[in-house]
Amino acid sequence: MIRTLGNILWFVLGGVIMGLGWWLAGVIAFISIIGIPWARSCFMIGRFSFFPFGKEAIDREELTQRADLGTGGLGCLGNIIWFVLFGWWLMLGHILSAVAQAITIIGIPFAIQHLKLAGVAISPVGKTVVSKEVAAAARMSNASHTVAKLRNK
């Protein structure tokens, strides 16, 4: 109930603008053909930007416990190219939105979400969006796996 109310208020009070910004970046990346991998991330994170409460962006490697093309060296290169072409202005949009939201007391939770999205805007390649519960379960599983490996040493 609280998440739904937060998401509705978020959407009405500016989330729609930043979500559309992500989708615009996705359309531009898709049109370029070479930017199709970035476009996929843009549409996914744009949807996250529309309704962020109850969700979290997490590294795919952290979620699945295996590396893939986007979580390795090519993903790092992809994030550098992303930041130069699109990431800086999406990050700036989220930071400016956070400052505007933080001015009011009721806007502080929204400002925090904008700052989280600004962090995602820096390097979205290799990330996916899941519910907070799934992210917590993945982290718990990783921690259990790490503890088991340390005990066997």
Protein backbone atom coordinates (compact mmCIF):
# COMPACT_ATOMS: atom_id res chain seq x y z
CA MET A 1 0.00 0.00 0.00
CA ILE A 2 2.75 2.46 0.98
CA ARG A 3 4.84 1.48 -2.05
CA THR A 4 1.87 1.99 -4.36
CA LEU A 5 1.12 5.41 -2.89
CA GLY A 6 4.81 6.36 -3.08
CA ASN A 7 4.99 5.25 -6.71
CA ILE A 8 1.86 7.19 -7.67
CA LEU A 9 3.12 10.36 -5.97
CA TRP A 10 6.57 9.84 -7.50
CA PHE A 11 5.13 9.45 -11.00
CA VAL A 12 2.96 12.57 -10.71
CA LEU A 13 5.63 14.72 -9.04
CA GLY A 14 8.31 14.27 -11.67
CA GLY A 15 9.11 10.58 -12.09
CA VAL A 16 7.38 10.60 -15.44
CA ILE A 17 9.80 13.24 -16.74
CA MET A 18 12.95 11.30 -15.85
CA GLY A 19 11.41 8.02 -17.05
CA LEU A 20 10.70 9.64 -20.41
CA GLY A 21 14.28 10.95 -20.41
CA TRP A 22 15.54 7.37 -20.07
CA TRP A 23 13.20 6.22 -22.83
CA LEU A 24 14.34 9.07 -25.10
CA ALA A 25 17.95 7.98 -24.58
CA GLY A 26 16.83 4.42 -25.40
CA VAL A 27 15.14 5.49 -28.64
CA ILE A 28 18.24 7.43 -29.72
CA ALA A 29 20.49 4.47 -28.85
CA PHE A 30 18.18 2.07 -30.69
CA ILE A 31 18.07 4.22 -33.83
CA SER A 32 21.86 4.22 -33.98
CA ILE A 33 21.78 0.38 -34.31
CA ILE A 34 25.16 0.10 -32.56
CA GLY A 35 23.48 1.35 -29.38
CA ILE A 36 20.88 -1.44 -29.16
CA PRO A 37 22.49 -3.03 -26.05
CA TRP A 38 22.27 0.35 -24.28
CA ALA A 39 18.69 0.84 -25.48
CA ARG A 40 17.59 -2.31 -23.67
CA SER A 41 19.06 -0.97 -20.42
CA CYS A 42 17.43 2.42 -21.02
CA PHE A 43 13.95 0.98 -21.39
CA MET A 44 14.34 -1.26 -18.34
CA ILE A 45 15.71 1.53 -16.15
CA GLY A 46 13.17 3.98 -17.59
CA ARG A 47 10.41 1.68 -16.36
CA PHE A 48 12.23 1.56 -12.99
CA SER A 49 12.41 5.36 -13.03
CA PHE A 50 8.64 5.60 -13.50
CA PHE A 51 7.91 3.49 -10.39
CA PRO A 52 11.04 2.97 -8.24
CA PHE A 53 9.59 2.22 -4.81
CA GLY A 54 9.91 -1.45 -3.86
CA LYS A 55 12.49 -2.13 -6.57
CA GLU A 56 16.25 -2.02 -6.76
CA ALA A 57 18.92 -1.98 -9.45
CA ILE A 58 21.40 -4.77 -8.81
CA ASP A 59 24.43 -6.10 -10.69
CA ARG A 60 23.48 -9.15 -12.73
CA GLU A 61 26.56 -10.97 -11.49
CA GLU A 62 25.48 -10.37 -7.91
CA LEU A 63 22.02 -11.68 -8.74
CA THR A 64 22.99 -14.77 -10.75
CA GLN A 65 26.45 -15.49 -9.27
CA ARG A 66 27.95 -15.72 -12.77
CA ALA A 67 29.64 -13.25 -15.04
CA ASP A 68 28.27 -12.32 -18.44
CA LEU A 69 29.19 -10.00 -21.29
CA GLY A 70 27.85 -6.91 -19.51
CA THR A 71 29.48 -7.56 -16.14
CA GLY A 72 33.07 -7.97 -17.33
CA GLY A 73 35.59 -5.82 -19.15
CA LEU A 74 33.30 -5.13 -22.11
CA GLY A 75 30.61 -3.98 -19.69
CA CYS A 76 33.09 -1.54 -18.15
CA LEU A 77 33.94 -0.18 -21.60
CA GLY A 78 30.23 0.01 -22.39
CA ASN A 79 29.62 2.03 -19.22
CA ILE A 80 32.39 4.48 -20.15
CA ILE A 81 30.90 5.01 -23.61
CA TRP A 82 27.43 5.26 -22.03
CA PHE A 83 28.54 7.90 -19.55
CA VAL A 84 30.10 10.07 -22.25
CA LEU A 85 27.07 9.89 -24.56
CA PHE A 86 24.03 9.72 -22.25
CA GLY A 87 24.88 9.03 -18.63
CA TRP A 88 26.07 12.45 -17.58
CA TRP A 89 22.87 14.26 -18.57
CA LEU A 90 20.59 11.61 -17.04
CA MET A 91 22.69 11.74 -13.87
CA LEU A 92 22.47 15.54 -13.87
CA GLY A 93 18.68 15.38 -14.35
CA HIS A 94 18.32 13.06 -11.37
CA ILE A 95 20.62 15.19 -9.21
CA LEU A 96 18.73 18.39 -10.06
CA SER A 97 15.44 16.60 -9.38
CA ALA A 98 16.82 15.37 -6.04
CA VAL A 99 17.77 18.90 -5.02
CA ALA A 100 14.33 20.21 -5.99
CA GLN A 101 12.59 17.40 -4.08
CA ALA A 102 14.80 17.71 -0.99
CA ILE A 103 13.70 21.31 -0.44
CA THR A 104 10.45 20.06 1.07
CA ILE A 105 10.16 17.57 3.91
CA ILE A 106 7.76 15.32 2.03
CA GLY A 107 10.13 15.26 -0.95
CA ILE A 108 13.10 13.77 0.92
CA PRO A 109 12.24 10.09 0.12
CA PHE A 110 11.86 11.13 -3.52
CA ALA A 111 15.23 12.91 -3.42
CA ILE A 112 16.84 9.73 -2.10
CA GLN A 113 15.34 7.73 -4.98
CA HIS A 114 16.63 10.30 -7.49
CA LEU A 115 20.12 9.97 -6.03
CA LYS A 116 19.95 6.17 -6.36
CA LEU A 117 18.86 6.58 -9.98
CA ALA A 118 21.68 9.07 -10.55
CA GLY A 119 24.08 6.31 -9.47
CA VAL A 120 22.45 3.92 -11.94
CA ALA A 121 22.72 6.57 -14.68
CA ILE A 122 26.51 6.52 -14.30
CA SER A 123 26.83 2.83 -15.17
CA PRO A 124 23.67 0.92 -16.15
CA VAL A 125 25.38 -1.79 -18.21
CA GLY A 126 25.46 -5.06 -16.28
CA LYS A 127 22.55 -4.14 -14.02
CA THR A 128 19.01 -5.39 -13.79
CA VAL A 129 15.99 -4.27 -11.80
CA VAL A 130 14.36 -6.61 -9.29
CA SER A 131 12.17 -6.29 -6.22
CA LYS A 132 13.93 -5.35 -2.99
CA GLU A 133 13.09 -8.79 -1.62
CA VAL A 134 14.80 -10.57 -4.53
CA ALA A 135 17.87 -8.34 -4.17
CA ALA A 136 18.06 -9.09 -0.44
CA ALA A 137 17.68 -12.84 -1.09
CA ALA A 138 20.48 -12.74 -3.70
CA ARG A 139 22.77 -10.93 -1.27
CA MET A 140 21.94 -13.42 1.49
CA SER A 141 22.63 -16.35 -0.84
CA ASN A 142 25.96 -14.80 -1.88
CA ALA A 143 26.89 -14.26 1.76
CA SER A 144 26.04 -17.89 2.63
CA HIS A 145 28.09 -19.11 -0.33
CA THR A 146 31.06 -16.96 0.71
CA VAL A 147 30.87 -18.17 4.32
CA ALA A 148 30.77 -21.80 3.16
CA LYS A 149 33.87 -21.25 0.99
CA LEU A 150 35.72 -19.59 3.87
CA ARG A 151 34.90 -22.47 6.23
CA ASN A 152 36.30 -25.01 3.76
CA LYS A 153 39.68 -23.30 3.56
